[in-house]
Amino acid sequence: MPPFRSGRAAPWSALVSLLSILILVCSQSLWAAGKGEGKGTRKKKRDLAAMASASPGEQNLTNIPLPIGHEAKGLVLPDFDANGHLAGKFEAGTARRIDQEQVAFQKLKITTFTPENQIDLQIDMLTSVLNLKTRVLTSQERTTVRRADFNITGDSVQFDTNTRTGRLIGNVKMVINDQSHLMGKPNE
């Protein structure tokens, strides 16, 4: 006869199982979103839009399944716009729920996408806090924002995930990589 177990798992094992499932679902949805145009792409986009309908039990930036005071390592969160398109992806080295309205991130990498699913911005933050109600991400440490045509860094940042706009403050440095589109064409 096998040994008898009480059926009660350690409280953290349920959290680990939930996070594992969420990471698997997120990675599959991001993989599907990153696939190029081709046969079956419309079905994948329709499935992705259905996932983005954000019912109360689904994971998104305002519904992070992390209990207050707990920490998760390697958390990846998709960010869908109102139309169900993948607008961004948050990859955190660690995430910790501060309270009901705030989540702190360490080593956060944000990637935003254009409506055509091309990479738009890449933002690197060492430490940051996301307010879940306003969806504004703030960091008081040096932050880098990269796009194909420029790099910009500043001592602190506020990034609104709704509008995908931000404000860098203090010792801001910008390097423009491709000036050709800034200069008017000779015939214009």
Protein backbone atom coordinates (compact mmCIF):
# COMPACT_ATOMS: atom_id res chain seq x y z
CA MET A 1 0.00 0.00 0.00
CA PRO A 2 1.48 3.39 -0.98
CA PRO A 3 2.11 5.98 1.75
CA PHE A 4 -0.82 8.22 2.57
CA ARG A 5 -0.53 11.97 1.89
CA SER A 6 -2.90 14.52 3.32
CA GLY A 7 -3.82 16.13 -0.02
CA ARG A 8 -2.80 19.58 1.22
CA ALA A 9 0.12 21.01 -0.72
CA ALA A 10 2.41 23.67 0.60
CA PRO A 11 0.92 27.16 -0.06
CA TRP A 12 3.81 28.12 -2.32
CA SER A 13 3.41 25.08 -4.55
CA ALA A 14 0.03 26.33 -5.77
CA LEU A 15 1.60 29.70 -6.61
CA VAL A 16 4.48 28.04 -8.44
CA SER A 17 2.06 25.88 -10.43
CA LEU A 18 -0.10 28.89 -11.33
CA LEU A 19 2.91 30.95 -12.43
CA SER A 20 4.26 28.06 -14.51
CA ILE A 21 0.96 27.73 -16.34
CA LEU A 22 0.74 31.49 -16.90
CA ILE A 23 4.29 31.70 -18.25
CA LEU A 24 3.58 28.80 -20.60
CA VAL A 25 0.38 30.45 -21.88
CA CYS A 26 2.14 33.80 -22.31
CA SER A 27 5.07 32.31 -24.18
CA GLN A 28 2.73 30.45 -26.53
CA SER A 29 0.64 33.55 -27.21
CA LEU A 30 3.74 35.69 -27.79
CA TRP A 31 5.16 33.04 -30.11
CA ALA A 32 1.91 33.03 -32.08
CA ALA A 33 1.89 36.85 -32.21
CA GLY A 34 5.48 36.92 -33.46
CA LYS A 35 4.86 34.56 -36.36
CA GLY A 36 5.02 36.19 -39.79
CA GLU A 37 2.16 36.56 -42.23
CA GLY A 38 1.35 33.27 -43.85
CA LYS A 39 -1.13 30.45 -43.98
CA GLY A 40 -3.24 30.35 -40.83
CA THR A 41 -2.16 33.82 -39.62
CA ARG A 42 -5.73 35.15 -39.59
CA LYS A 43 -6.82 32.29 -37.33
CA LYS A 44 -3.87 32.97 -34.99
CA LYS A 45 -4.73 36.68 -34.86
CA ARG A 46 -8.39 35.86 -34.17
CA ASP A 47 -7.33 33.50 -31.37
CA LEU A 48 -5.01 36.17 -29.96
CA ALA A 49 -7.83 38.73 -30.03
CA ALA A 50 -10.08 36.31 -28.19
CA MET A 51 -7.38 35.87 -25.54
CA ALA A 52 -7.12 39.66 -25.19
CA SER A 53 -10.76 40.09 -24.25
CA ALA A 54 -9.46 40.28 -20.67
CA SER A 55 -12.03 38.49 -18.63
CA PRO A 56 -11.43 38.86 -14.88
CA GLY A 57 -9.55 35.56 -14.62
CA GLU A 58 -7.12 36.21 -17.46
CA GLN A 59 -3.64 37.65 -17.08
CA ASN A 60 -2.78 41.14 -18.33
CA LEU A 61 -1.07 44.24 -16.96
CA THR A 62 -3.97 45.15 -14.68
CA ASN A 63 -4.63 41.61 -13.46
CA ILE A 64 -1.22 40.24 -12.44
CA PRO A 65 -1.76 36.95 -10.55
CA LEU A 66 0.75 37.65 -7.79
CA PRO A 67 -0.33 37.77 -4.12
CA ILE A 68 0.70 40.79 -2.04
CA GLY A 69 4.20 40.36 -0.65
CA HIS A 70 5.13 37.48 -2.97
CA GLU A 71 7.87 37.50 -5.57
CA ALA A 72 8.07 35.78 -8.97
CA LYS A 73 11.22 35.27 -11.03
CA GLY A 74 11.30 35.38 -14.81
CA LEU A 75 7.79 36.80 -15.16
CA VAL A 76 6.64 37.58 -18.74
CA LEU A 77 3.45 39.60 -19.19
CA PRO A 78 1.72 40.42 -22.48
CA ASP A 79 0.10 43.84 -22.91
CA PHE A 80 -2.88 43.91 -25.27
CA ASP A 81 -4.51 47.06 -26.63
CA ALA A 82 -8.27 47.68 -26.69
CA ASN A 83 -8.55 45.93 -30.08
CA GLY A 84 -6.89 42.76 -28.83
CA HIS A 85 -3.58 43.33 -30.60
CA LEU A 86 -0.33 42.64 -28.78
CA ALA A 87 0.92 46.13 -27.90
CA GLY A 88 3.83 45.10 -25.69
CA LYS A 89 5.62 42.50 -23.65
CA PHE A 90 7.04 42.90 -20.14
CA GLU A 91 9.94 40.60 -19.15
CA ALA A 92 10.99 40.97 -15.52
CA GLY A 93 13.94 39.35 -13.79
CA THR A 94 11.80 39.49 -10.65
CA ALA A 95 8.38 40.92 -9.85
CA ARG A 96 7.01 41.55 -6.35
CA ARG A 97 3.48 42.63 -5.46
CA ILE A 98 3.79 45.63 -3.12
CA ASP A 99 0.07 46.14 -2.49
CA GLN A 100 -3.26 45.85 -4.30
CA GLU A 101 -2.33 48.65 -6.74
CA GLN A 102 1.45 48.32 -7.25
CA VAL A 103 3.95 45.79 -8.55
CA ALA A 104 7.72 46.30 -8.28
CA PHE A 105 10.01 44.97 -11.00
CA GLN A 106 13.75 44.29 -11.10
CA LYS A 107 15.62 44.10 -14.43
CA LEU A 108 12.54 44.92 -16.49
CA LYS A 109 12.71 44.79 -20.28
CA ILE A 110 9.71 46.17 -22.15
CA THR A 111 9.16 45.65 -25.85
CA THR A 112 6.36 47.55 -27.59
CA PHE A 113 5.00 46.61 -30.99
CA THR A 114 3.52 48.53 -33.92
CA PRO A 115 0.06 47.59 -35.23
CA GLU A 116 1.90 45.52 -37.87
CA ASN A 117 3.54 43.43 -35.07
CA GLN A 118 6.99 44.95 -35.68
CA ILE A 119 9.19 45.90 -32.72
CA ASP A 120 8.78 49.60 -31.95
CA LEU A 121 10.46 50.46 -28.63
CA GLN A 122 12.71 48.54 -26.27
CA ILE A 123 12.93 49.92 -22.74
CA ASP A 124 15.38 48.69 -20.08
CA MET A 125 14.82 49.53 -16.40
CA LEU A 126 16.86 48.26 -13.48
CA THR A 127 14.10 48.89 -10.91
CA SER A 128 10.57 50.14 -11.50
CA VAL A 129 7.05 50.22 -10.06
CA LEU A 130 3.84 49.75 -12.06
CA ASN A 131 0.65 51.34 -10.75
CA LEU A 132 -2.05 48.89 -11.85
CA LYS A 133 -4.87 51.46 -11.80
CA THR A 134 -3.19 54.19 -13.84
CA ARG A 135 -0.91 51.74 -15.73
CA VAL A 136 1.97 54.20 -15.30
CA LEU A 137 5.40 52.67 -14.81
CA THR A 138 7.98 54.75 -12.92
CA SER A 139 11.67 54.29 -12.27
CA GLN A 140 14.08 56.45 -10.29
CA GLU A 141 17.14 54.83 -11.88
CA ARG A 142 18.90 55.32 -15.20
CA THR A 143 16.66 54.03 -17.99
CA THR A 144 17.34 53.39 -21.68
CA VAL A 145 14.78 53.61 -24.49
CA ARG A 146 15.81 52.24 -27.90
CA ARG A 147 14.17 52.41 -31.27
CA ALA A 148 15.61 51.65 -34.72
CA ASP A 149 16.47 55.32 -35.29
CA PHE A 150 17.49 56.52 -31.81
CA ASN A 151 18.66 55.66 -28.27
CA ILE A 152 17.74 57.88 -25.33
CA THR A 153 18.68 57.58 -21.65
CA GLY A 154 17.70 59.51 -18.53
CA ASP A 155 18.05 59.38 -14.75
CA SER A 156 14.36 58.66 -14.12
CA VAL A 157 11.31 57.84 -16.22
CA GLN A 158 7.53 57.75 -16.21
CA PHE A 159 6.02 55.51 -18.90
CA ASP A 160 2.26 55.39 -19.54
CA THR A 161 1.49 51.89 -20.87
CA ASN A 162 -1.95 53.02 -22.11
CA THR A 163 -0.70 55.75 -24.43
CA ARG A 164 2.82 54.30 -24.85
CA THR A 165 4.32 57.69 -24.05
CA GLY A 166 6.99 58.47 -21.52
CA ARG A 167 8.95 61.24 -19.90
CA LEU A 168 12.67 61.01 -19.12
CA ILE A 169 14.01 63.36 -16.46
CA GLY A 170 17.59 64.36 -15.55
CA ASN A 171 20.82 63.98 -17.56
CA VAL A 172 18.93 63.02 -20.69
CA LYS A 173 21.13 61.95 -23.59
CA MET A 174 19.81 61.13 -27.06
CA VAL A 175 21.73 59.57 -29.93
CA ILE A 176 20.08 59.60 -33.35
CA ASN A 177 21.17 56.65 -35.47
CA ASP A 178 19.43 57.42 -38.76
CA GLN A 179 19.02 61.08 -39.67
CA SER A 180 17.86 60.47 -43.25
CA HIS A 181 14.17 60.50 -42.40
CA LEU A 182 14.57 63.68 -40.33
CA MET A 183 16.00 65.65 -43.24
CA GLY A 184 13.50 66.67 -45.88
CA LYS A 185 14.01 65.24 -49.35
CA PRO A 186 15.61 67.76 -51.75
CA ASN A 187 12.40 67.91 -53.86
CA GLU A 188 10.12 68.71 -50.91
